[in-house]
N, C-alpha and C. Protein backbone atom coordinates (compact mmCIF):
# COMPACT_ATOMS: atom_id res chain seq x y z
N UNK A 1 0.54 14.16 -3.91
CA UNK A 1 1.88 14.50 -3.09
C UNK A 1 3.18 15.08 -3.92
N UNK A 2 3.38 16.81 -2.70
CA UNK A 2 4.06 17.62 -3.18
C UNK A 2 5.36 16.18 -3.70
N UNK A 3 6.65 17.77 -4.20
CA UNK A 3 7.51 17.36 -4.60
C UNK A 3 8.24 16.90 -3.58
N UNK A 4 7.75 17.02 -2.69
CA UNK A 4 9.27 16.96 -1.06
C UNK A 4 9.05 15.47 -0.46
N UNK A 5 7.40 14.91 -0.62
CA UNK A 5 6.99 14.36 0.15
C UNK A 5 7.33 13.08 -1.39
N UNK A 6 7.27 13.18 -2.48
CA UNK A 6 7.53 12.59 -3.46
C UNK A 6 9.31 12.16 -3.04
N UNK A 7 10.07 12.99 -2.68
CA UNK A 7 11.62 13.04 -2.81
C UNK A 7 11.24 11.71 -1.55
N UNK A 8 9.99 12.40 -0.25
CA UNK A 8 10.92 12.24 0.97
C UNK A 8 10.35 10.25 0.94
N UNK A 9 9.29 10.06 0.34
CA UNK A 9 9.43 7.99 -0.06
C UNK A 9 9.84 7.76 -1.10
N UNK A 10 10.50 7.75 -1.70
CA UNK A 10 11.31 8.28 -3.35
C UNK A 10 13.21 7.50 -2.68
N UNK A 11 13.16 8.47 -0.70
CA UNK A 11 14.30 7.37 -0.21
C UNK A 11 14.12 6.72 0.93
N UNK A 12 12.97 5.91 0.48
CA UNK A 12 12.25 5.25 1.30
C UNK A 12 12.52 3.67 0.55
N UNK A 13 13.29 4.54 -0.88
CA UNK A 13 12.23 2.82 -1.65
C UNK A 13 12.95 2.04 -1.27
N UNK A 14 12.00 0.99 -1.48
CA UNK A 14 13.27 -0.40 -0.86
C UNK A 14 13.90 -0.92 -2.85
N UNK A 15 15.32 -1.16 -2.86
CA UNK A 15 15.60 -1.15 -4.03
C UNK A 15 14.83 -2.49 -4.85
N UNK A 16 15.33 -2.48 -6.44
CA UNK A 16 14.37 -3.36 -6.59
C UNK A 16 15.75 -4.32 -7.14
N UNK A 17 15.34 -5.99 -7.23
CA UNK A 17 15.04 -7.21 -7.11
C UNK A 17 16.32 -7.11 -5.07
N UNK A 18 15.63 -7.05 -4.48
CA UNK A 18 15.48 -6.99 -2.91
C UNK A 18 13.96 -7.37 -2.24
N UNK A 19 14.65 -8.59 -1.19
CA UNK A 19 13.08 -9.02 -0.49
C UNK A 19 12.52 -7.95 0.29
N UNK A 20 11.16 -7.70 -0.35
CA UNK A 20 10.00 -7.45 -0.01
C UNK A 20 9.02 -7.90 1.49
N UNK A 21 8.53 -7.39 2.21
CA UNK A 21 7.34 -7.69 2.59
C UNK A 21 6.54 -6.34 3.02
N UNK A 22 5.77 -6.78 2.48
CA UNK A 22 4.25 -5.59 2.30
C UNK A 22 3.93 -5.40 3.85
N UNK A 23 4.02 -4.28 3.89
CA UNK A 23 3.34 -4.57 5.64
C UNK A 23 1.49 -4.49 5.90
N UNK A 24 1.04 -4.39 4.32
CA UNK A 24 -0.63 -4.68 4.39
C UNK A 24 -0.62 -6.44 4.89
N UNK A 25 -1.04 -6.69 3.55
CA UNK A 25 -0.65 -8.80 3.29
C UNK A 25 0.69 -9.24 3.71
N UNK A 26 1.70 -8.55 4.72
CA UNK A 26 2.71 -9.49 4.78
C UNK A 26 2.68 -10.43 3.54
N UNK A 27 3.35 -10.41 2.48
CA UNK A 27 3.86 -10.95 1.20
C UNK A 27 4.35 -10.94 1.30
N UNK A 28 5.74 -11.49 0.97
CA UNK A 28 7.44 -11.76 1.08
C UNK A 28 7.45 -11.45 -0.95
N UNK A 29 7.54 -10.64 -1.24
CA UNK A 29 8.23 -10.39 -2.75
C UNK A 29 8.88 -10.19 -3.14
N UNK A 30 9.97 -10.28 -4.52
CA UNK A 30 10.91 -9.25 -4.54
C UNK A 30 11.21 -8.66 -5.93
N UNK A 31 10.85 -7.01 -5.36
CA UNK A 31 11.03 -6.25 -5.37
C UNK A 31 11.34 -6.22 -7.42
N UNK A 32 10.42 -5.34 -7.72
CA UNK A 32 10.53 -5.40 -9.78
C UNK A 32 10.70 -7.00 -10.55
N UNK A 33 10.77 -7.92 -9.68
CA UNK A 33 10.03 -9.02 -10.35
C UNK A 33 9.43 -10.09 -10.60
N UNK A 34 8.83 -9.96 -8.79
CA UNK A 34 7.75 -11.34 -8.51
C UNK A 34 6.68 -9.82 -8.10
N UNK A 35 7.44 -9.02 -7.88
CA UNK A 35 5.90 -8.20 -7.31
C UNK A 35 6.16 -6.04 -8.41
N UNK A 36 5.48 -5.23 -7.75
CA UNK A 36 5.27 -4.14 -8.34
C UNK A 36 5.79 -3.28 -6.73
N UNK A 37 6.37 -2.50 -6.54
CA UNK A 37 5.87 -1.98 -5.27
C UNK A 37 4.67 -0.18 -5.46
N UNK A 38 4.66 -0.04 -4.64
CA UNK A 38 4.07 1.49 -4.46
C UNK A 38 4.03 2.19 -3.79
N UNK A 39 3.83 3.61 -3.56
CA UNK A 39 3.87 4.57 -2.90
C UNK A 39 2.62 5.08 -2.65
N UNK A 40 1.73 4.22 -1.04
CA UNK A 40 1.06 4.55 -0.95
C UNK A 40 0.17 5.90 -0.03
N UNK A 41 -0.32 6.33 -0.14
CA UNK A 41 -0.86 8.36 0.21
C UNK A 41 -1.95 7.91 0.58
N UNK A 42 -2.17 9.14 1.33
CA UNK A 42 -3.72 9.45 2.05
C UNK A 42 -4.12 10.05 0.41
N UNK A 43 -5.60 10.05 -0.02
CA UNK A 43 -5.21 10.43 -1.00
C UNK A 43 -6.25 12.10 0.00
N UNK A 44 -6.56 11.94 0.99
CA UNK A 44 -7.69 13.42 1.47
C UNK A 44 -6.39 14.58 1.07
N UNK A 45 -5.48 14.28 1.83
CA UNK A 45 -4.16 14.58 1.78
C UNK A 45 -3.11 14.81 1.18
N UNK A 46 -3.45 14.16 0.10
CA UNK A 46 -1.85 13.01 -0.65
C UNK A 46 -0.29 12.77 -0.30
N UNK A 47 -0.62 13.21 1.68
CA UNK A 47 0.75 12.79 2.48
C UNK A 47 1.11 11.24 2.35
N UNK A 48 2.37 10.95 1.54
CA UNK A 48 2.40 9.34 1.20
C UNK A 48 2.59 8.44 3.15
N UNK A 49 2.17 7.33 2.82
CA UNK A 49 2.66 6.29 4.20
C UNK A 49 3.58 5.70 3.74
N UNK A 50 3.34 4.32 3.38
CA UNK A 50 4.79 3.87 3.25
C UNK A 50 4.53 3.07 2.02
N UNK A 51 5.83 2.39 0.70
CA UNK A 51 5.64 1.27 -0.31
C UNK A 51 5.31 -0.37 0.23
N UNK A 52 3.87 -0.06 -0.50
CA UNK A 52 3.11 -1.49 -0.27
C UNK A 52 3.49 -2.37 -1.52
N UNK A 53 2.72 -3.25 -1.48
CA UNK A 53 2.53 -4.25 -2.33
C UNK A 53 1.67 -3.54 -3.88
N UNK A 54 1.25 -3.38 -5.10
CA UNK A 54 0.12 -3.18 -6.03
C UNK A 54 -0.92 -3.75 -5.60
N UNK A 55 -1.07 -4.64 -5.04
CA UNK A 55 -2.41 -5.90 -5.11
C UNK A 55 -3.21 -4.57 -3.76
N UNK A 56 -1.97 -4.44 -2.62
CA UNK A 56 -2.90 -3.86 -1.81
C UNK A 56 -3.19 -2.50 -1.80
N UNK A 57 -2.57 -1.24 -2.76
CA UNK A 57 -3.37 -0.35 -2.78
C UNK A 57 -3.67 -0.35 -3.92
N UNK A 58 -4.52 -1.33 -4.62
CA UNK A 58 -6.29 -1.78 -5.65
C UNK A 58 -6.30 -1.12 -4.44
N UNK A 59 -6.71 -2.17 -3.63
CA UNK A 59 -8.31 -2.91 -2.27
C UNK A 59 -7.86 -1.63 -1.83
N UNK A 60 -7.07 -1.12 -1.26
CA UNK A 60 -7.46 -0.21 -0.26
C UNK A 60 -7.73 1.20 -1.34
N UNK A 61 -7.55 1.62 -2.97
CA UNK A 61 -8.20 2.44 -3.05
C UNK A 61 -9.99 1.92 -3.56
N UNK A 62 -10.09 1.06 -3.66
CA UNK A 62 -11.09 0.41 -4.12
C UNK A 62 -12.24 0.86 -3.44
N UNK A 63 -11.78 0.12 -1.72
CA UNK A 63 -12.93 0.80 -0.55
C UNK A 63 -12.31 1.67 -0.57
N UNK A 64 -11.56 2.97 -0.82
CA UNK A 64 -11.64 4.84 -0.78
C UNK A 64 -10.73 4.75 -0.13
N UNK A 65 -10.20 4.26 0.76
CA UNK A 65 -9.73 4.19 3.18
C UNK A 65 -10.68 4.79 3.06
N UNK A 66 -11.82 3.90 3.49
CA UNK A 66 -12.58 3.94 4.20
C UNK A 66 -12.93 2.91 5.80
N UNK A 67 -12.62 3.23 6.78
CA UNK A 67 -12.65 2.18 7.60
C UNK A 67 -13.54 1.94 7.60
N UNK A 68 -14.89 3.27 7.49
CA UNK A 68 -15.69 2.24 7.61
C UNK A 68 -16.36 1.10 6.82
N UNK A 69 -15.99 1.08 5.57
CA UNK A 69 -16.70 0.03 4.74
C UNK A 69 -15.44 -1.36 4.24
N UNK A 70 -14.30 -1.10 5.58
CA UNK A 70 -12.97 -1.67 5.97
C UNK A 70 -14.12 -2.49 7.34
N UNK A 71 -14.67 -1.81 7.85
CA UNK A 71 -14.38 -2.71 8.69
C UNK A 71 -16.17 -3.66 8.27
N UNK A 72 -16.87 -2.74 7.56
CA UNK A 72 -17.58 -3.90 7.36
C UNK A 72 -17.13 -5.36 6.55
N UNK A 73 -15.76 -4.93 5.25
CA UNK A 73 -15.89 -5.66 4.99
C UNK A 73 -15.51 -7.05 5.83
N UNK A 74 -15.32 -7.63 7.29
CA UNK A 74 -14.92 -7.33 8.14
C UNK A 74 -15.57 -8.13 8.46
N UNK A 75 -16.25 -7.92 9.07
CA UNK A 75 -18.12 -8.43 9.37
C UNK A 75 -18.46 -9.65 8.49
N UNK A 76 -18.85 -8.59 7.47
CA UNK A 76 -19.26 -10.18 5.90
C UNK A 76 -18.15 -11.14 6.11
N UNK A 77 -16.95 -11.15 6.40
CA UNK A 77 -15.84 -12.18 6.09
C UNK A 77 -16.04 -12.48 6.78
N UNK A 78 -15.82 -13.11 8.48
CA UNK A 78 -16.75 -13.22 9.74
C UNK A 78 -17.87 -13.54 8.79
N UNK A 79 -18.81 -13.68 8.83
CA UNK A 79 -20.42 -13.89 9.18
C UNK A 79 -20.15 -15.68 8.13
N UNK A 80 -18.77 -15.71 7.02
CA UNK A 80 -18.73 -16.73 5.84
C UNK A 80 -17.36 -17.07 6.76
């Protein structure tokens, strides 16, 4: 992320001890107490997306932000 992008993301960061709802998993947490939040970003462009919980960020990273992989995951889950 560029310095300008990091600044833009930090301006949108929810403050500690406030209720945060992850836009991916929709889990409600208290920032810095019940979960950490991270500035998610596109790994190809470096552009910041949104603040999400660290669990969802890890999941997206493991699936390499690849929609085709995520579609296969969905198909897999539907089968079972």
